[in-house]
């Protein structure tokens, strides 16, 4: 039984972990992973503020950039062909059923990582509370644990995870999926 809870595809192969959760409807009480529907991201952003809008925008930009930079066999590779831009992807697929993406409020488990799953921990401060096995810091902002298929990156905010850093993160992810 999974102890993961958050937003998105329940068995997502691309998982992002965040230390906080939006105070929106019943999200604070979630005990499992719930897929979003069309319009939910906009509603959460409107109700919970600019910070959450930025999290969703940067998440969509990351997946869209990753799809464009990855091998065609990568499970998110069709994103750039199915959606005209990252905004369309965000609004029509991100964190929805069958999206292969999730935003998890639970802490990552380290006992049995799935080899086909990429895991991102958002934020150095949060990562330092997790005791991630075999974590190697590459610089002040990015770290990787190949045994866990896990990368630590800056928080999903335009200032912290800029476009150039998104490209760097895509390169790190591509090293894990090869």
N, C-alpha and C. Protein backbone atom coordinates (compact mmCIF):
# COMPACT_ATOMS: atom_id res chain seq x y z
N UNK A 1 0.84 -1.19 0.00
CA UNK A 1 0.00 0.00 0.00
C UNK A 1 0.88 1.25 0.00
N UNK A 2 0.55 2.18 -0.86
CA UNK A 2 1.33 3.40 -0.98
C UNK A 2 0.95 4.39 0.11
N UNK A 3 1.94 5.07 0.63
CA UNK A 3 1.68 6.12 1.61
C UNK A 3 1.84 7.50 0.97
N UNK A 4 1.95 7.54 -0.34
CA UNK A 4 2.10 8.81 -1.03
C UNK A 4 0.77 9.52 -1.11
N UNK A 5 0.83 10.85 -0.98
CA UNK A 5 -0.37 11.65 -1.17
C UNK A 5 0.00 12.96 -1.83
N UNK A 6 -0.94 13.42 -2.66
CA UNK A 6 -0.70 14.65 -3.40
C UNK A 6 -1.64 14.77 -4.58
N UNK A 7 -1.14 15.41 -5.63
CA UNK A 7 -1.92 15.68 -6.83
C UNK A 7 -1.30 14.94 -8.02
N UNK A 8 -2.15 14.46 -8.91
CA UNK A 8 -1.65 13.89 -10.15
C UNK A 8 -2.02 12.45 -10.38
N UNK A 9 -1.23 11.82 -11.21
CA UNK A 9 -1.42 10.42 -11.58
C UNK A 9 -0.95 9.53 -10.42
N UNK A 10 -1.81 8.65 -9.90
CA UNK A 10 -1.46 7.86 -8.71
C UNK A 10 -0.19 7.02 -8.86
N UNK A 11 0.11 6.52 -10.03
CA UNK A 11 1.31 5.71 -10.25
C UNK A 11 2.29 6.41 -11.18
N UNK A 12 2.39 7.70 -11.03
CA UNK A 12 3.22 8.51 -11.92
C UNK A 12 4.66 8.03 -11.95
N UNK A 13 5.26 8.15 -13.11
CA UNK A 13 6.67 7.81 -13.27
C UNK A 13 7.55 9.06 -13.20
N UNK A 14 6.92 10.22 -13.09
CA UNK A 14 7.65 11.48 -12.89
C UNK A 14 7.03 12.16 -11.68
N UNK A 15 7.76 12.12 -10.57
CA UNK A 15 7.22 12.57 -9.29
C UNK A 15 8.02 13.75 -8.76
N UNK A 16 7.32 14.78 -8.34
CA UNK A 16 7.96 15.94 -7.73
C UNK A 16 7.45 16.04 -6.30
N UNK A 17 8.38 16.18 -5.36
CA UNK A 17 8.06 16.28 -3.94
C UNK A 17 8.22 17.72 -3.48
N UNK A 18 7.23 18.19 -2.73
CA UNK A 18 7.22 19.56 -2.23
C UNK A 18 6.88 19.53 -0.74
N UNK A 19 7.47 20.44 0.01
CA UNK A 19 7.30 20.43 1.47
C UNK A 19 5.95 20.96 1.94
N UNK A 20 5.29 21.73 1.12
CA UNK A 20 4.01 22.32 1.54
C UNK A 20 2.90 21.91 0.58
N UNK A 21 1.69 22.27 0.92
CA UNK A 21 0.55 21.95 0.06
C UNK A 21 -0.41 23.12 0.03
N UNK A 22 -1.16 23.25 -1.04
CA UNK A 22 -2.09 24.38 -1.12
C UNK A 22 -3.27 24.21 -0.17
N UNK A 23 -3.67 25.30 0.42
CA UNK A 23 -4.87 25.31 1.27
C UNK A 23 -6.07 25.55 0.37
N UNK A 24 -6.50 24.50 -0.30
CA UNK A 24 -7.58 24.61 -1.27
C UNK A 24 -8.52 23.42 -1.11
N UNK A 25 -9.77 23.72 -0.91
CA UNK A 25 -10.81 22.70 -0.74
C UNK A 25 -10.33 21.63 0.24
N UNK A 26 -10.35 20.36 -0.17
CA UNK A 26 -9.97 19.29 0.76
C UNK A 26 -8.55 18.78 0.55
N UNK A 27 -7.73 19.49 -0.21
CA UNK A 27 -6.36 19.05 -0.47
C UNK A 27 -5.57 18.83 0.82
N UNK A 28 -5.68 19.68 1.84
CA UNK A 28 -4.90 19.42 3.06
C UNK A 28 -5.21 18.09 3.74
N UNK A 29 -6.34 17.50 3.46
CA UNK A 29 -6.71 16.22 4.08
C UNK A 29 -6.40 15.01 3.21
N UNK A 30 -5.84 15.21 2.03
CA UNK A 30 -5.58 14.08 1.13
C UNK A 30 -4.71 13.03 1.81
N UNK A 31 -5.09 11.78 1.62
CA UNK A 31 -4.32 10.64 2.12
C UNK A 31 -3.87 9.74 0.97
N UNK A 32 -4.12 10.18 -0.26
CA UNK A 32 -3.69 9.44 -1.45
C UNK A 32 -3.43 10.47 -2.56
N UNK A 33 -3.09 9.98 -3.73
CA UNK A 33 -2.82 10.86 -4.86
C UNK A 33 -4.10 11.02 -5.67
N UNK A 34 -4.49 12.28 -5.91
CA UNK A 34 -5.73 12.59 -6.61
C UNK A 34 -5.44 13.30 -7.93
N UNK A 35 -5.92 12.76 -9.05
CA UNK A 35 -5.73 13.45 -10.33
C UNK A 35 -6.53 14.75 -10.38
N UNK A 36 -5.95 15.74 -11.04
CA UNK A 36 -6.66 17.00 -11.26
C UNK A 36 -7.50 16.89 -12.52
N UNK A 37 -8.42 17.81 -12.68
CA UNK A 37 -9.25 17.92 -13.88
C UNK A 37 -8.96 19.25 -14.56
N UNK A 38 -9.44 19.40 -15.78
CA UNK A 38 -9.28 20.68 -16.48
C UNK A 38 -9.80 21.80 -15.59
N UNK A 39 -9.04 22.86 -15.48
CA UNK A 39 -9.45 24.02 -14.70
C UNK A 39 -8.98 24.02 -13.26
N UNK A 40 -8.58 22.86 -12.73
CA UNK A 40 -8.16 22.79 -11.33
C UNK A 40 -6.89 23.60 -11.06
N UNK A 41 -5.92 23.52 -11.95
CA UNK A 41 -4.67 24.27 -11.73
C UNK A 41 -4.95 25.76 -11.68
N UNK A 42 -5.76 26.26 -12.60
CA UNK A 42 -6.12 27.68 -12.60
C UNK A 42 -6.86 28.05 -11.32
N UNK A 43 -7.76 27.19 -10.88
CA UNK A 43 -8.54 27.47 -9.66
C UNK A 43 -7.64 27.49 -8.42
N UNK A 44 -6.71 26.54 -8.33
CA UNK A 44 -5.79 26.52 -7.19
C UNK A 44 -4.91 27.76 -7.21
N UNK A 45 -4.39 28.11 -8.38
CA UNK A 45 -3.57 29.31 -8.50
C UNK A 45 -4.31 30.57 -8.11
N UNK A 46 -5.56 30.66 -8.51
CA UNK A 46 -6.37 31.84 -8.18
C UNK A 46 -6.67 31.90 -6.68
N UNK A 47 -7.01 30.76 -6.10
CA UNK A 47 -7.39 30.74 -4.69
C UNK A 47 -6.20 30.81 -3.74
N UNK A 48 -5.07 30.26 -4.16
CA UNK A 48 -3.93 30.12 -3.23
C UNK A 48 -2.77 31.05 -3.52
N UNK A 49 -2.86 31.81 -4.59
CA UNK A 49 -1.85 32.84 -4.81
C UNK A 49 -0.82 32.53 -5.88
N UNK A 50 -0.02 33.56 -6.11
CA UNK A 50 0.98 33.55 -7.17
C UNK A 50 2.02 32.45 -6.98
N UNK A 51 2.37 32.13 -5.75
CA UNK A 51 3.37 31.10 -5.50
C UNK A 51 2.97 29.75 -6.07
N UNK A 52 1.71 29.38 -5.90
CA UNK A 52 1.25 28.10 -6.46
C UNK A 52 1.14 28.17 -7.97
N UNK A 53 0.76 29.31 -8.50
CA UNK A 53 0.72 29.46 -9.96
C UNK A 53 2.12 29.23 -10.53
N UNK A 54 3.13 29.78 -9.85
CA UNK A 54 4.51 29.60 -10.31
C UNK A 54 4.94 28.14 -10.23
N UNK A 55 4.56 27.44 -9.17
CA UNK A 55 4.92 26.02 -9.05
C UNK A 55 4.38 25.25 -10.25
N UNK A 56 3.11 25.45 -10.58
CA UNK A 56 2.51 24.73 -11.71
C UNK A 56 3.14 25.15 -13.03
N UNK A 57 3.40 26.44 -13.20
CA UNK A 57 4.02 26.91 -14.44
C UNK A 57 5.41 26.32 -14.64
N UNK A 58 6.22 26.35 -13.60
CA UNK A 58 7.58 25.82 -13.72
C UNK A 58 7.54 24.31 -13.93
N UNK A 59 6.63 23.62 -13.27
CA UNK A 59 6.49 22.17 -13.48
C UNK A 59 6.17 21.89 -14.95
N UNK A 60 5.22 22.61 -15.51
CA UNK A 60 4.85 22.41 -16.91
C UNK A 60 6.01 22.75 -17.84
N UNK A 61 6.71 23.84 -17.56
CA UNK A 61 7.87 24.21 -18.38
C UNK A 61 8.95 23.14 -18.33
N UNK A 62 9.17 22.57 -17.16
CA UNK A 62 10.16 21.51 -17.01
C UNK A 62 9.79 20.29 -17.84
N UNK A 63 8.56 19.81 -17.71
CA UNK A 63 8.14 18.62 -18.46
C UNK A 63 8.20 18.88 -19.95
N UNK A 64 7.77 20.05 -20.37
CA UNK A 64 7.78 20.39 -21.79
C UNK A 64 9.22 20.44 -22.32
N UNK A 65 10.12 21.06 -21.57
CA UNK A 65 11.53 21.12 -21.97
C UNK A 65 12.15 19.72 -21.96
N UNK A 66 11.82 18.92 -20.97
CA UNK A 66 12.35 17.57 -20.88
C UNK A 66 11.88 16.72 -22.06
N UNK A 67 10.63 16.84 -22.42
CA UNK A 67 10.09 16.09 -23.56
C UNK A 67 10.83 16.45 -24.84
N UNK A 68 11.18 17.71 -24.99
CA UNK A 68 11.90 18.15 -26.18
C UNK A 68 13.35 17.75 -26.20
N UNK A 69 13.90 17.42 -25.03
CA UNK A 69 15.33 17.09 -24.95
C UNK A 69 15.60 15.61 -24.78
N UNK A 70 14.56 14.80 -24.69
CA UNK A 70 14.73 13.38 -24.35
C UNK A 70 14.57 12.48 -25.56
N UNK A 71 15.02 11.27 -25.40
CA UNK A 71 14.85 10.21 -26.38
C UNK A 71 13.36 10.00 -26.65
N UNK A 72 13.02 9.63 -27.86
CA UNK A 72 11.60 9.46 -28.22
C UNK A 72 10.94 8.32 -27.47
N UNK A 73 11.71 7.43 -26.86
CA UNK A 73 11.11 6.34 -26.09
C UNK A 73 10.77 6.76 -24.66
N UNK A 74 11.21 7.94 -24.24
CA UNK A 74 10.91 8.43 -22.90
C UNK A 74 9.41 8.62 -22.77
N UNK A 75 8.85 8.24 -21.64
CA UNK A 75 7.40 8.21 -21.46
C UNK A 75 6.72 9.57 -21.51
N UNK A 76 7.46 10.66 -21.46
CA UNK A 76 6.86 11.99 -21.60
C UNK A 76 7.20 12.63 -22.95
N UNK A 77 7.82 11.88 -23.85
CA UNK A 77 8.29 12.43 -25.12
C UNK A 77 7.18 12.99 -26.00
N UNK A 78 5.97 12.47 -25.88
CA UNK A 78 4.87 12.92 -26.74
C UNK A 78 4.30 14.28 -26.33
N UNK A 79 4.73 14.82 -25.22
CA UNK A 79 4.19 16.09 -24.73
C UNK A 79 4.35 17.19 -25.77
N UNK A 80 5.51 17.28 -26.40
CA UNK A 80 5.74 18.37 -27.34
C UNK A 80 4.97 18.19 -28.65
N UNK A 81 4.59 16.97 -28.98
CA UNK A 81 3.79 16.78 -30.19
C UNK A 81 2.30 16.90 -29.92
N UNK A 82 1.87 16.56 -28.72
CA UNK A 82 0.45 16.62 -28.39
C UNK A 82 -0.03 18.00 -27.94
N UNK A 83 0.91 18.85 -27.51
CA UNK A 83 0.53 20.17 -26.99
C UNK A 83 1.39 21.24 -27.65
N UNK A 84 0.76 22.32 -28.06
CA UNK A 84 1.43 23.38 -28.81
C UNK A 84 2.50 24.09 -27.99
N UNK A 85 2.27 24.22 -26.69
CA UNK A 85 3.22 24.91 -25.82
C UNK A 85 3.04 24.42 -24.39
N UNK A 86 3.93 24.86 -23.51
CA UNK A 86 3.87 24.39 -22.13
C UNK A 86 2.60 24.84 -21.43
N UNK A 87 2.03 25.99 -21.83
CA UNK A 87 0.79 26.45 -21.21
C UNK A 87 -0.37 25.51 -21.53
N UNK A 88 -0.45 25.07 -22.78
CA UNK A 88 -1.50 24.12 -23.16
C UNK A 88 -1.32 22.80 -22.42
N UNK A 89 -0.07 22.36 -22.31
CA UNK A 89 0.21 21.13 -21.56
C UNK A 89 -0.23 21.29 -20.10
N UNK A 90 0.13 22.40 -19.48
CA UNK A 90 -0.25 22.66 -18.08
C UNK A 90 -1.76 22.59 -17.91
N UNK A 91 -2.49 23.24 -18.78
CA UNK A 91 -3.94 23.36 -18.63
C UNK A 91 -4.70 22.09 -19.00
N UNK A 92 -4.13 21.26 -19.87
CA UNK A 92 -4.87 20.11 -20.39
C UNK A 92 -4.36 18.75 -19.93
N UNK A 93 -3.17 18.68 -19.31
CA UNK A 93 -2.64 17.36 -18.96
C UNK A 93 -1.87 17.28 -17.65
N UNK A 94 -1.12 18.30 -17.28
CA UNK A 94 -0.27 18.24 -16.10
C UNK A 94 -1.07 17.81 -14.86
N UNK A 95 -0.57 16.81 -14.17
CA UNK A 95 -1.14 16.31 -12.91
C UNK A 95 -2.55 15.72 -13.06
N UNK A 96 -2.93 15.39 -14.28
CA UNK A 96 -4.22 14.75 -14.50
C UNK A 96 -4.05 13.24 -14.62
N UNK A 97 -5.15 12.52 -14.66
CA UNK A 97 -5.11 11.07 -14.82
C UNK A 97 -4.33 10.73 -16.08
N UNK A 98 -3.51 9.72 -16.01
CA UNK A 98 -2.70 9.24 -17.13
C UNK A 98 -1.63 10.22 -17.61
N UNK A 99 -1.34 11.24 -16.82
CA UNK A 99 -0.31 12.22 -17.21
C UNK A 99 1.10 11.73 -16.93
N UNK A 100 1.23 10.72 -16.08
CA UNK A 100 2.52 10.21 -15.60
C UNK A 100 3.26 11.24 -14.75
N UNK A 101 2.55 12.26 -14.26
CA UNK A 101 3.15 13.28 -13.40
C UNK A 101 2.40 13.37 -12.07
N UNK A 102 3.15 13.66 -11.01
CA UNK A 102 2.51 13.89 -9.72
C UNK A 102 3.28 14.95 -8.95
N UNK A 103 2.57 15.63 -8.07
CA UNK A 103 3.13 16.60 -7.14
C UNK A 103 2.79 16.06 -5.76
N UNK A 104 3.80 15.57 -5.05
CA UNK A 104 3.56 14.82 -3.82
C UNK A 104 3.89 15.64 -2.59
N UNK A 105 2.98 15.60 -1.63
CA UNK A 105 3.14 16.30 -0.36
C UNK A 105 3.74 15.37 0.70
N UNK A 106 3.72 14.08 0.43
CA UNK A 106 4.33 13.10 1.33
C UNK A 106 5.84 13.10 1.09
N UNK A 107 6.57 12.62 2.09
CA UNK A 107 8.02 12.50 1.94
C UNK A 107 8.33 11.29 1.06
N UNK A 108 9.40 11.37 0.28
CA UNK A 108 9.76 10.21 -0.54
C UNK A 108 10.19 9.03 0.33
N UNK A 109 9.89 7.85 -0.16
CA UNK A 109 10.34 6.62 0.51
C UNK A 109 11.61 6.16 -0.19
N UNK A 110 12.51 5.60 0.58
CA UNK A 110 13.80 5.21 0.03
C UNK A 110 14.05 3.70 0.07
N UNK A 111 13.07 2.93 0.55
CA UNK A 111 13.29 1.50 0.73
C UNK A 111 13.27 0.70 -0.56
N UNK A 112 12.51 1.11 -1.57
CA UNK A 112 12.40 0.33 -2.79
C UNK A 112 12.05 1.23 -3.97
N UNK A 113 12.99 2.07 -4.44
CA UNK A 113 12.67 2.97 -5.54
C UNK A 113 12.43 2.21 -6.85
N UNK A 114 11.42 2.63 -7.60
CA UNK A 114 11.16 2.02 -8.91
C UNK A 114 12.16 2.56 -9.91
N UNK A 115 12.80 1.67 -10.64
CA UNK A 115 13.84 2.07 -11.60
C UNK A 115 13.28 2.96 -12.71
N UNK A 116 12.01 2.80 -13.04
CA UNK A 116 11.43 3.56 -14.14
C UNK A 116 10.88 4.92 -13.71
N UNK A 117 11.03 5.26 -12.44
CA UNK A 117 10.46 6.50 -11.92
C UNK A 117 11.55 7.52 -11.67
N UNK A 118 11.32 8.74 -12.14
CA UNK A 118 12.21 9.86 -11.85
C UNK A 118 11.57 10.66 -10.72
N UNK A 119 12.37 10.96 -9.70
CA UNK A 119 11.86 11.70 -8.55
C UNK A 119 12.67 12.99 -8.38
N UNK A 120 11.95 14.08 -8.18
CA UNK A 120 12.54 15.40 -7.99
C UNK A 120 12.12 15.90 -6.61
N UNK A 121 13.09 16.33 -5.82
CA UNK A 121 12.79 16.99 -4.55
C UNK A 121 13.02 18.47 -4.76
N UNK A 122 11.99 19.23 -4.48
CA UNK A 122 12.00 20.67 -4.72
C UNK A 122 12.54 21.41 -3.50
N UNK A 123 13.74 21.97 -3.65
CA UNK A 123 14.29 22.82 -2.60
C UNK A 123 15.35 22.16 -1.74
N UNK A 124 16.48 22.83 -1.62
CA UNK A 124 17.61 22.35 -0.81
C UNK A 124 17.23 22.19 0.66
N UNK A 125 16.52 23.17 1.21
CA UNK A 125 16.15 23.12 2.62
C UNK A 125 15.30 21.89 2.92
N UNK A 126 14.30 21.62 2.08
CA UNK A 126 13.47 20.44 2.25
C UNK A 126 14.31 19.17 2.11
N UNK A 127 15.16 19.13 1.10
CA UNK A 127 15.97 17.94 0.86
C UNK A 127 16.84 17.60 2.06
N UNK A 128 17.36 18.60 2.73
CA UNK A 128 18.25 18.35 3.87
C UNK A 128 17.51 17.73 5.06
N UNK A 129 16.19 17.81 5.08
CA UNK A 129 15.42 17.18 6.16
C UNK A 129 15.12 15.71 5.87
N UNK A 130 15.44 15.22 4.68
CA UNK A 130 14.98 13.90 4.24
C UNK A 130 15.99 12.76 4.41
N UNK A 131 17.24 13.02 4.66
CA UNK A 131 18.27 11.98 4.76
C UNK A 131 18.24 11.06 3.54
N UNK A 132 18.40 11.65 2.37
CA UNK A 132 18.34 10.92 1.10
C UNK A 132 19.60 10.07 0.94
N UNK A 133 19.44 8.75 0.75
CA UNK A 133 20.61 7.88 0.60
C UNK A 133 21.44 8.21 -0.64
N UNK A 134 22.75 8.13 -0.50
CA UNK A 134 23.69 8.28 -1.61
C UNK A 134 23.55 9.60 -2.36
N UNK A 135 23.17 10.64 -1.67
CA UNK A 135 22.98 11.94 -2.30
C UNK A 135 24.33 12.63 -2.47
N UNK A 136 24.60 13.08 -3.69
CA UNK A 136 25.83 13.79 -4.01
C UNK A 136 25.47 15.20 -4.47
N UNK A 137 25.97 16.20 -3.75
CA UNK A 137 25.71 17.59 -4.14
C UNK A 137 26.64 17.96 -5.28
N UNK A 138 26.05 18.42 -6.39
CA UNK A 138 26.80 18.81 -7.58
C UNK A 138 27.25 20.26 -7.50
N UNK A 139 26.46 21.06 -6.81
CA UNK A 139 26.75 22.47 -6.57
C UNK A 139 25.84 22.92 -5.42
N UNK A 140 25.69 24.20 -5.22
CA UNK A 140 24.88 24.70 -4.10
C UNK A 140 23.39 24.42 -4.25
N UNK A 141 22.93 24.13 -5.47
CA UNK A 141 21.48 24.01 -5.71
C UNK A 141 21.02 22.64 -6.17
N UNK A 142 21.90 21.86 -6.77
CA UNK A 142 21.51 20.59 -7.36
C UNK A 142 22.27 19.43 -6.73
N UNK A 143 21.55 18.34 -6.51
CA UNK A 143 22.16 17.11 -6.00
C UNK A 143 21.49 15.93 -6.69
N UNK A 144 22.17 14.80 -6.68
CA UNK A 144 21.62 13.62 -7.34
C UNK A 144 21.91 12.37 -6.52
N UNK A 145 20.95 11.47 -6.50
CA UNK A 145 21.13 10.14 -5.94
C UNK A 145 20.74 9.15 -7.03
N UNK A 146 21.73 8.61 -7.71
CA UNK A 146 21.43 7.70 -8.81
C UNK A 146 20.74 6.44 -8.32
N UNK A 147 21.09 5.96 -7.14
CA UNK A 147 20.47 4.75 -6.61
C UNK A 147 18.99 4.95 -6.31
N UNK A 148 18.59 6.18 -6.08
CA UNK A 148 17.19 6.51 -5.78
C UNK A 148 16.45 7.11 -6.97
N UNK A 149 17.14 7.28 -8.11
CA UNK A 149 16.56 7.98 -9.27
C UNK A 149 15.98 9.32 -8.83
N UNK A 150 16.76 10.06 -8.06
CA UNK A 150 16.27 11.26 -7.41
C UNK A 150 17.23 12.43 -7.62
N UNK A 151 16.66 13.58 -7.89
CA UNK A 151 17.42 14.82 -8.06
C UNK A 151 16.84 15.87 -7.14
N UNK A 152 17.70 16.62 -6.49
CA UNK A 152 17.30 17.79 -5.72
C UNK A 152 17.57 19.00 -6.60
N UNK A 153 16.60 19.89 -6.67
CA UNK A 153 16.74 21.11 -7.48
C UNK A 153 16.15 22.29 -6.72
N UNK A 154 16.38 23.50 -7.21
CA UNK A 154 15.75 24.66 -6.57
C UNK A 154 14.23 24.56 -6.61
N UNK A 155 13.61 25.30 -5.71
CA UNK A 155 12.15 25.39 -5.64
C UNK A 155 11.59 25.85 -6.99
N UNK A 156 10.41 25.38 -7.34
CA UNK A 156 9.80 25.73 -8.62
C UNK A 156 9.26 27.16 -8.59
N UNK A 157 10.15 28.08 -8.81
CA UNK A 157 9.86 29.51 -8.87
C UNK A 157 10.76 30.08 -9.95
N UNK A 158 10.27 31.04 -10.72
CA UNK A 158 11.04 31.57 -11.84
C UNK A 158 12.42 32.08 -11.43
N UNK A 159 12.53 32.70 -10.27
CA UNK A 159 13.82 33.24 -9.84
C UNK A 159 14.77 32.13 -9.40
N UNK A 160 14.24 31.11 -8.76
CA UNK A 160 15.09 30.04 -8.25
C UNK A 160 15.41 28.98 -9.30
N UNK A 161 14.42 28.61 -10.11
CA UNK A 161 14.62 27.62 -11.17
C UNK A 161 14.36 28.32 -12.51
N UNK A 162 15.34 29.09 -12.93
CA UNK A 162 15.25 29.87 -14.17
C UNK A 162 15.29 28.93 -15.37
N UNK A 163 15.07 29.47 -16.56
CA UNK A 163 15.09 28.66 -17.77
C UNK A 163 16.42 27.94 -17.96
N UNK A 164 17.53 28.62 -17.67
CA UNK A 164 18.85 27.99 -17.83
C UNK A 164 19.01 26.84 -16.83
N UNK A 165 18.45 26.99 -15.64
CA UNK A 165 18.52 25.92 -14.65
C UNK A 165 17.58 24.78 -15.00
N UNK A 166 16.47 25.08 -15.66
CA UNK A 166 15.57 24.03 -16.15
C UNK A 166 16.32 23.17 -17.17
N UNK A 167 17.09 23.80 -18.04
CA UNK A 167 17.87 23.05 -19.03
C UNK A 167 18.89 22.15 -18.33
N UNK A 168 19.56 22.68 -17.32
CA UNK A 168 20.51 21.88 -16.55
C UNK A 168 19.81 20.70 -15.87
N UNK A 169 18.64 20.96 -15.29
CA UNK A 169 17.87 19.89 -14.66
C UNK A 169 17.47 18.83 -15.68
N UNK A 170 17.08 19.24 -16.87
CA UNK A 170 16.76 18.27 -17.94
C UNK A 170 17.96 17.40 -18.26
N UNK A 171 19.14 18.00 -18.31
CA UNK A 171 20.36 17.22 -18.56
C UNK A 171 20.58 16.18 -17.46
N UNK A 172 20.38 16.58 -16.21
CA UNK A 172 20.52 15.63 -15.10
C UNK A 172 19.50 14.50 -15.20
N UNK A 173 18.26 14.85 -15.50
CA UNK A 173 17.21 13.83 -15.64
C UNK A 173 17.56 12.87 -16.77
N UNK A 174 18.04 13.41 -17.88
CA UNK A 174 18.41 12.55 -19.01
C UNK A 174 19.53 11.58 -18.66
N UNK A 175 20.42 11.96 -17.75
CA UNK A 175 21.45 11.00 -17.32
C UNK A 175 20.83 9.85 -16.52
N UNK A 176 19.76 10.12 -15.80
CA UNK A 176 19.09 9.06 -15.03
C UNK A 176 18.28 8.12 -15.92
N UNK A 177 17.71 8.64 -17.00
CA UNK A 177 16.83 7.79 -17.82
C UNK A 177 17.58 7.02 -18.89
N UNK A 178 18.87 7.26 -19.01
CA UNK A 178 19.65 6.51 -20.02
C UNK A 178 20.16 5.21 -19.47
